[in-house]
Amino acid sequence: SAALIYTMGTFINDSPTLLSQGTSLAVHI
């Protein structure tokens, strides 16, 4: 989670793409 917060952001994206922001399950929590 920690590394992804800084690299992918914390925006919960309903239509994520490879070059857009998104959250993994852990970051979603």
Full PDB file with SEQRES, HELIX, SHEET, SSBOND, CRYST1, ORIGX, SCALE, CONECT and MASTER records, all heavy atoms in Angstrom:
SEQRES   1 A   29  SER ALA ALA LEU ILE TYR THR MET GLY THR PHE ILE ASN          
SEQRES   2 A   29  ASP SER PRO THR LEU LEU SER GLN GLY THR SER LEU ALA          
SEQRES   3 A   29  VAL HIS ILE                                                  
HELIX    1 AA1 ALA A    2  THR A    7  1                                   6    
HELIX    2 AA2 LEU A   25  HIS A   28  1                                   4    
CRYST1    1.000    1.000    1.000  90.00  90.00  90.00 P 1           1          
ORIGX1      1.000000  0.000000  0.000000        0.00000                         
ORIGX2      0.000000  1.000000  0.000000        0.00000                         
ORIGX3      0.000000  0.000000  1.000000        0.00000                         
SCALE1      1.000000  0.000000  0.000000        0.00000                         
SCALE2      0.000000  1.000000  0.000000        0.00000                         
SCALE3      0.000000  0.000000  1.000000        0.00000                         
ATOM      1  N   SER A   1       0.819  -1.214   0.000  1.00  0.00           N  
ATOM      2  CA  SER A   1       0.000   0.000   0.000  1.00  0.00           C  
ATOM      3  C   SER A   1       0.851   1.262   0.000  1.00  0.00           C  
ATOM      4  O   SER A   1       0.627   2.159  -0.811  1.00  0.00           O  
ATOM      5  CB  SER A   1      -0.947   0.004   1.203  1.00  0.00           C  
ATOM      6  OG  SER A   1      -0.215  -0.120   2.407  1.00  0.00           O  
ATOM      7  N   ALA A   2       1.851   1.322   0.894  1.00  0.00           N  
ATOM      8  CA  ALA A   2       2.618   2.565   1.060  1.00  0.00           C  
ATOM      9  C   ALA A   2       3.274   3.000  -0.246  1.00  0.00           C  
ATOM     10  O   ALA A   2       3.157   4.161  -0.665  1.00  0.00           O  
ATOM     11  CB  ALA A   2       3.663   2.380   2.155  1.00  0.00           C  
ATOM     12  N   ALA A   3       3.957   2.072  -0.905  1.00  0.00           N  
ATOM     13  CA  ALA A   3       4.642   2.439  -2.145  1.00  0.00           C  
ATOM     14  C   ALA A   3       3.652   2.830  -3.236  1.00  0.00           C  
ATOM     15  O   ALA A   3       3.908   3.748  -4.018  1.00  0.00           O  
ATOM     16  CB  ALA A   3       5.503   1.276  -2.617  1.00  0.00           C  
ATOM     17  N   LEU A   4       2.511   2.159  -3.279  1.00  0.00           N  
ATOM     18  CA  LEU A   4       1.534   2.427  -4.332  1.00  0.00           C  
ATOM     19  C   LEU A   4       0.816   3.746  -4.115  1.00  0.00           C  
ATOM     20  O   LEU A   4       0.339   4.366  -5.077  1.00  0.00           O  
ATOM     21  CB  LEU A   4       0.520   1.279  -4.399  1.00  0.00           C  
ATOM     22  CG  LEU A   4       1.100  -0.093  -4.726  1.00  0.00           C  
ATOM     23  CD1 LEU A   4       0.004  -1.132  -4.781  1.00  0.00           C  
ATOM     24  CD2 LEU A   4       1.843  -0.050  -6.049  1.00  0.00           C  
ATOM     25  N   ILE A   5       0.705   4.182  -2.861  1.00  0.00           N  
ATOM     26  CA  ILE A   5       0.067   5.476  -2.583  1.00  0.00           C  
ATOM     27  C   ILE A   5       0.829   6.592  -3.278  1.00  0.00           C  
ATOM     28  O   ILE A   5       0.241   7.536  -3.802  1.00  0.00           O  
ATOM     29  CB  ILE A   5      -0.010   5.722  -1.064  1.00  0.00           C  
ATOM     30  CG1 ILE A   5      -1.060   4.795  -0.441  1.00  0.00           C  
ATOM     31  CG2 ILE A   5      -0.359   7.178  -0.755  1.00  0.00           C  
ATOM     32  CD1 ILE A   5      -1.088   4.830   1.064  1.00  0.00           C  
ATOM     33  N   TYR A   6       2.163   6.476  -3.293  1.00  0.00           N  
ATOM     34  CA  TYR A   6       2.991   7.513  -3.902  1.00  0.00           C  
ATOM     35  C   TYR A   6       3.162   7.321  -5.404  1.00  0.00           C  
ATOM     36  O   TYR A   6       3.480   8.271  -6.111  1.00  0.00           O  
ATOM     37  CB  TYR A   6       4.358   7.537  -3.235  1.00  0.00           C  
ATOM     38  CG  TYR A   6       4.301   7.977  -1.792  1.00  0.00           C  
ATOM     39  CD1 TYR A   6       4.419   7.058  -0.765  1.00  0.00           C  
ATOM     40  CD2 TYR A   6       4.129   9.308  -1.457  1.00  0.00           C  
ATOM     41  CE1 TYR A   6       4.357   7.457   0.565  1.00  0.00           C  
ATOM     42  CE2 TYR A   6       4.065   9.715  -0.141  1.00  0.00           C  
ATOM     43  CZ  TYR A   6       4.179   8.793   0.864  1.00  0.00           C  
ATOM     44  OH  TYR A   6       4.110   9.191   2.172  1.00  0.00           O  
ATOM     45  N   THR A   7       2.970   6.105  -5.881  1.00  0.00           N  
ATOM     46  CA  THR A   7       3.223   5.852  -7.295  1.00  0.00           C  
ATOM     47  C   THR A   7       1.952   5.757  -8.127  1.00  0.00           C  
ATOM     48  O   THR A   7       1.978   6.061  -9.317  1.00  0.00           O  
ATOM     49  CB  THR A   7       4.021   4.545  -7.470  1.00  0.00           C  
ATOM     50  OG1 THR A   7       3.308   3.463  -6.845  1.00  0.00           O  
ATOM     51  CG2 THR A   7       5.398   4.670  -6.829  1.00  0.00           C  
ATOM     52  N   MET A   8       0.836   5.336  -7.579  1.00  0.00           N  
ATOM     53  CA  MET A   8      -0.411   5.217  -8.323  1.00  0.00           C  
ATOM     54  C   MET A   8      -1.469   6.214  -7.869  1.00  0.00           C  
ATOM     55  O   MET A   8      -2.470   6.398  -8.552  1.00  0.00           O  
ATOM     56  CB  MET A   8      -1.004   3.804  -8.187  1.00  0.00           C  
ATOM     57  CG  MET A   8      -0.171   2.714  -8.823  1.00  0.00           C  
ATOM     58  SD  MET A   8      -1.113   1.206  -9.158  1.00  0.00           S  
ATOM     59  CE  MET A   8      -2.015   0.973  -7.631  1.00  0.00           C  
ATOM     60  N   GLY A   9      -1.266   6.855  -6.737  1.00  0.00           N  
ATOM     61  CA  GLY A   9      -2.268   7.764  -6.208  1.00  0.00           C  
ATOM     62  C   GLY A   9      -3.312   7.028  -5.396  1.00  0.00           C  
ATOM     63  O   GLY A   9      -3.284   5.800  -5.264  1.00  0.00           O  
ATOM     64  N   THR A  10      -4.263   7.774  -4.870  1.00  0.00           N  
ATOM     65  CA  THR A  10      -5.315   7.189  -4.033  1.00  0.00           C  
ATOM     66  C   THR A  10      -6.708   7.407  -4.613  1.00  0.00           C  
ATOM     67  O   THR A  10      -7.700   7.175  -3.933  1.00  0.00           O  
ATOM     68  CB  THR A  10      -5.253   7.781  -2.614  1.00  0.00           C  
ATOM     69  OG1 THR A  10      -5.404   9.212  -2.695  1.00  0.00           O  
ATOM     70  CG2 THR A  10      -3.929   7.457  -1.939  1.00  0.00           C  
ATOM     71  N   PHE A  11      -6.757   7.855  -5.852  1.00  0.00           N  
ATOM     72  CA  PHE A  11      -8.054   8.071  -6.502  1.00  0.00           C  
ATOM     73  C   PHE A  11      -8.649   6.726  -6.919  1.00  0.00           C  
ATOM     74  O   PHE A  11      -8.037   5.954  -7.646  1.00  0.00           O  
ATOM     75  CB  PHE A  11      -7.882   8.971  -7.719  1.00  0.00           C  
ATOM     76  CG  PHE A  11      -9.130   9.110  -8.549  1.00  0.00           C  
ATOM     77  CD1 PHE A  11     -10.231   9.806  -8.054  1.00  0.00           C  
ATOM     78  CD2 PHE A  11      -9.218   8.541  -9.804  1.00  0.00           C  
ATOM     79  CE1 PHE A  11     -11.380   9.937  -8.809  1.00  0.00           C  
ATOM     80  CE2 PHE A  11     -10.354   8.665 -10.571  1.00  0.00           C  
ATOM     81  CZ  PHE A  11     -11.441   9.359 -10.071  1.00  0.00           C  
ATOM     82  N   ILE A  12      -9.860   6.445  -6.445  1.00  0.00           N  
ATOM     83  CA  ILE A  12     -10.538   5.193  -6.782  1.00  0.00           C  
ATOM     84  C   ILE A  12     -11.157   5.341  -8.167  1.00  0.00           C  
ATOM     85  O   ILE A  12     -12.184   5.997  -8.332  1.00  0.00           O  
ATOM     86  CB  ILE A  12     -11.610   4.843  -5.735  1.00  0.00           C  
ATOM     87  CG1 ILE A  12     -10.959   4.722  -4.358  1.00  0.00           C  
ATOM     88  CG2 ILE A  12     -12.317   3.547  -6.095  1.00  0.00           C  
ATOM     89  CD1 ILE A  12     -11.942   4.514  -3.233  1.00  0.00           C  
ATOM     90  N   ASN A  13     -10.519   4.748  -9.143  1.00  0.00           N  
ATOM     91  CA  ASN A  13     -10.899   4.896 -10.546  1.00  0.00           C  
ATOM     92  C   ASN A  13     -11.749   3.706 -10.972  1.00  0.00           C  
ATOM     93  O   ASN A  13     -11.319   2.562 -10.882  1.00  0.00           O  
ATOM     94  CB  ASN A  13      -9.650   5.000 -11.415  1.00  0.00           C  
ATOM     95  CG  ASN A  13      -9.969   5.455 -12.827  1.00  0.00           C  
ATOM     96  OD1 ASN A  13     -11.118   5.497 -13.233  1.00  0.00           O  
ATOM     97  ND2 ASN A  13      -8.928   5.804 -13.558  1.00  0.00           N  
ATOM     98  N   ASP A  14     -12.971   3.976 -11.449  1.00  0.00           N  
ATOM     99  CA  ASP A  14     -13.862   2.908 -11.896  1.00  0.00           C  
ATOM    100  C   ASP A  14     -13.493   2.382 -13.274  1.00  0.00           C  
ATOM    101  O   ASP A  14     -13.913   1.280 -13.653  1.00  0.00           O  
ATOM    102  CB  ASP A  14     -15.316   3.395 -11.915  1.00  0.00           C  
ATOM    103  CG  ASP A  14     -15.868   3.610 -10.516  1.00  0.00           C  
ATOM    104  OD1 ASP A  14     -15.464   2.858  -9.601  1.00  0.00           O  
ATOM    105  OD2 ASP A  14     -16.686   4.528 -10.333  1.00  0.00           O  
ATOM    106  N   SER A  15     -12.748   3.161 -14.049  1.00  0.00           N  
ATOM    107  CA  SER A  15     -12.338   2.731 -15.393  1.00  0.00           C  
ATOM    108  C   SER A  15     -10.837   2.944 -15.556  1.00  0.00           C  
ATOM    109  O   SER A  15     -10.386   3.793 -16.336  1.00  0.00           O  
ATOM    110  CB  SER A  15     -13.112   3.521 -16.464  1.00  0.00           C  
ATOM    111  OG  SER A  15     -14.506   3.367 -16.306  1.00  0.00           O  
ATOM    112  N   PRO A  16     -10.037   2.190 -14.818  1.00  0.00           N  
ATOM    113  CA  PRO A  16      -8.591   2.411 -14.866  1.00  0.00           C  
ATOM    114  C   PRO A  16      -7.972   1.907 -16.160  1.00  0.00           C  
ATOM    115  O   PRO A  16      -8.433   0.934 -16.749  1.00  0.00           O  
ATOM    116  CB  PRO A  16      -8.082   1.606 -13.665  1.00  0.00           C  
ATOM    117  CG  PRO A  16      -9.088   0.518 -13.496  1.00  0.00           C  
ATOM    118  CD  PRO A  16     -10.401   1.111 -13.892  1.00  0.00           C  
ATOM    119  N   THR A  17      -6.950   2.603 -16.589  1.00  0.00           N  
ATOM    120  CA  THR A  17      -6.134   2.167 -17.711  1.00  0.00           C  
ATOM    121  C   THR A  17      -4.685   2.126 -17.253  1.00  0.00           C  
ATOM    122  O   THR A  17      -4.358   2.551 -16.142  1.00  0.00           O  
ATOM    123  CB  THR A  17      -6.272   3.113 -18.912  1.00  0.00           C  
ATOM    124  OG1 THR A  17      -5.789   4.420 -18.540  1.00  0.00           O  
ATOM    125  CG2 THR A  17      -7.723   3.228 -19.354  1.00  0.00           C  
ATOM    126  N   LEU A  18      -3.824   1.625 -18.139  1.00  0.00           N  
ATOM    127  CA  LEU A  18      -2.426   1.454 -17.747  1.00  0.00           C  
ATOM    128  C   LEU A  18      -1.767   2.777 -17.393  1.00  0.00           C  
ATOM    129  O   LEU A  18      -0.876   2.823 -16.551  1.00  0.00           O  
ATOM    130  CB  LEU A  18      -1.655   0.770 -18.887  1.00  0.00           C  
ATOM    131  CG  LEU A  18      -0.246   0.271 -18.546  1.00  0.00           C  
ATOM    132  CD1 LEU A  18      -0.311  -0.777 -17.449  1.00  0.00           C  
ATOM    133  CD2 LEU A  18       0.426  -0.283 -19.783  1.00  0.00           C  
ATOM    134  N   LEU A  19      -2.213   3.854 -17.995  1.00  0.00           N  
ATOM    135  CA  LEU A  19      -1.588   5.160 -17.781  1.00  0.00           C  
ATOM    136  C   LEU A  19      -2.428   6.094 -16.924  1.00  0.00           C  
ATOM    137  O   LEU A  19      -2.153   7.286 -16.863  1.00  0.00           O  
ATOM    138  CB  LEU A  19      -1.305   5.823 -19.138  1.00  0.00           C  
ATOM    139  CG  LEU A  19      -0.346   5.068 -20.058  1.00  0.00           C  
ATOM    140  CD1 LEU A  19      -0.152   5.821 -21.365  1.00  0.00           C  
ATOM    141  CD2 LEU A  19       1.005   4.860 -19.375  1.00  0.00           C  
ATOM    142  N   SER A  20      -3.445   5.574 -16.275  1.00  0.00           N  
ATOM    143  CA  SER A  20      -4.293   6.403 -15.416  1.00  0.00           C  
ATOM    144  C   SER A  20      -4.095   6.021 -13.956  1.00  0.00           C  
ATOM    145  O   SER A  20      -3.472   5.008 -13.644  1.00  0.00           O  
ATOM    146  CB  SER A  20      -5.764   6.235 -15.798  1.00  0.00           C  
ATOM    147  OG  SER A  20      -6.210   4.927 -15.475  1.00  0.00           O  
ATOM    148  N   GLN A  21      -4.624   6.857 -13.074  1.00  0.00           N  
ATOM    149  CA  GLN A  21      -4.563   6.549 -11.656  1.00  0.00           C  
ATOM    150  C   GLN A  21      -5.520   5.416 -11.309  1.00  0.00           C  
ATOM    151  O   GLN A  21      -6.475   5.144 -12.032  1.00  0.00           O  
ATOM    152  CB  GLN A  21      -4.916   7.782 -10.819  1.00  0.00           C  
ATOM    153  CG  GLN A  21      -3.834   8.845 -10.784  1.00  0.00           C  
ATOM    154  CD  GLN A  21      -4.139   9.917  -9.767  1.00  0.00           C  
ATOM    155  OE1 GLN A  21      -5.284  10.158  -9.416  1.00  0.00           O  
ATOM    156  NE2 GLN A  21      -3.103  10.567  -9.267  1.00  0.00           N  
ATOM    157  N   GLY A  22      -5.232   4.748 -10.215  1.00  0.00           N  
ATOM    158  CA  GLY A  22      -6.093   3.669  -9.753  1.00  0.00           C  
ATOM    159  C   GLY A  22      -5.640   3.198  -8.387  1.00  0.00           C  
ATOM    160  O   GLY A  22      -4.564   3.573  -7.908  1.00  0.00           O  
ATOM    161  N   THR A  23      -6.448   2.387  -7.753  1.00  0.00           N  
ATOM    162  CA  THR A  23      -6.112   1.873  -6.429  1.00  0.00           C  
ATOM    163  C   THR A  23      -6.180   0.355  -6.427  1.00  0.00           C  
ATOM    164  O   THR A  23      -7.120  -0.232  -6.950  1.00  0.00           O  
ATOM    165  CB  THR A  23      -7.081   2.421  -5.364  1.00  0.00           C  
ATOM    166  OG1 THR A  23      -8.418   2.152  -5.768  1.00  0.00           O  
ATOM    167  CG2 THR A  23      -6.905   3.908  -5.154  1.00  0.00           C  
ATOM    168  N   SER A  24      -5.159  -0.261  -5.831  1.00  0.00           N  
ATOM    169  CA  SER A  24      -5.219  -1.698  -5.609  1.00  0.00           C  
ATOM    170  C   SER A  24      -6.197  -1.976  -4.468  1.00  0.00           C  
ATOM    171  O   SER A  24      -6.708  -1.054  -3.822  1.00  0.00           O  
ATOM    172  CB  SER A  24      -3.828  -2.238  -5.255  1.00  0.00           C  
ATOM    173  OG  SER A  24      -3.405  -1.695  -4.017  1.00  0.00           O  
ATOM    174  N   LEU A  25      -6.454  -3.244  -4.187  1.00  0.00           N  
ATOM    175  CA  LEU A  25      -7.379  -3.581  -3.106  1.00  0.00           C  
ATOM    176  C   LEU A  25      -6.882  -3.036  -1.764  1.00  0.00           C  
ATOM    177  O   LEU A  25      -7.654  -2.501  -0.969  1.00  0.00           O  
ATOM    178  CB  LEU A  25      -7.565  -5.096  -3.031  1.00  0.00           C  
ATOM    179  CG  LEU A  25      -8.318  -5.743  -4.210  1.00  0.00           C  
ATOM    180  CD1 LEU A  25      -8.316  -7.248  -4.060  1.00  0.00           C  
ATOM    181  CD2 LEU A  25      -9.739  -5.211  -4.292  1.00  0.00           C  
ATOM    182  N   ALA A  26      -5.590  -3.186  -1.528  1.00  0.00           N  
ATOM    183  CA  ALA A  26      -5.040  -2.721  -0.251  1.00  0.00           C  
ATOM    184  C   ALA A  26      -5.125  -1.203  -0.127  1.00  0.00           C  
ATOM    185  O   ALA A  26      -5.484  -0.663   0.923  1.00  0.00           O  
ATOM    186  CB  ALA A  26      -3.592  -3.185  -0.105  1.00  0.00           C  
ATOM    187  N   VAL A  27      -4.795  -0.483  -1.213  1.00  0.00           N  
ATOM    188  CA  VAL A  27      -4.880   0.978  -1.180  1.00  0.00           C  
ATOM    189  C   VAL A  27      -6.335   1.433  -1.097  1.00  0.00           C  
ATOM    190  O   VAL A  27      -6.648   2.459  -0.489  1.00  0.00           O  
ATOM    191  CB  VAL A  27      -4.192   1.581  -2.418  1.00  0.00           C  
ATOM    192  CG1 VAL A  27      -4.310   3.097  -2.424  1.00  0.00           C  
ATOM    193  CG2 VAL A  27      -2.727   1.180  -2.456  1.00  0.00           C  
ATOM    194  N   HIS A  28      -7.232   0.659  -1.672  1.00  0.00           N  
ATOM    195  CA  HIS A  28      -8.664   0.965  -1.550  1.00  0.00           C  
ATOM    196  C   HIS A  28      -9.082   0.924  -0.076  1.00  0.00           C  
ATOM    197  O   HIS A  28      -9.826   1.786   0.396  1.00  0.00           O  
ATOM    198  CB  HIS A  28      -9.475  -0.045  -2.373  1.00  0.00           C  
ATOM    199  CG  HIS A  28     -10.877   0.393  -2.627  1.00  0.00           C  
ATOM    200  ND1 HIS A  28     -11.510   0.205  -3.830  1.00  0.00           N  
ATOM    201  CD2 HIS A  28     -11.795   1.014  -1.837  1.00  0.00           C  
ATOM    202  CE1 HIS A  28     -12.731   0.680  -3.769  1.00  0.00           C  
ATOM    203  NE2 HIS A  28     -12.931   1.183  -2.558  1.00  0.00           N  
ATOM    204  N   ILE A  29      -8.589  -0.094   0.635  1.00  0.00           N  
ATOM    205  CA  ILE A  29      -8.880  -0.173   2.074  1.00  0.00           C  
ATOM    206  C   ILE A  29      -8.365   1.069   2.787  1.00  0.00           C  
ATOM    207  O   ILE A  29      -9.055   1.686   3.604  1.00  0.00           O  
ATOM    208  CB  ILE A  29      -8.260  -1.444   2.675  1.00  0.00           C  
ATOM    209  CG1 ILE A  29      -8.961  -2.693   2.118  1.00  0.00           C  
ATOM    210  CG2 ILE A  29      -8.354  -1.437   4.199  1.00  0.00           C  
ATOM    211  CD1 ILE A  29      -8.334  -3.984   2.572  1.00  0.00           C  
TER     212      ILE A  29                                                      
MASTER        0    0    0    2    0    0    0    6  211    1    0    3          
END                                                                             
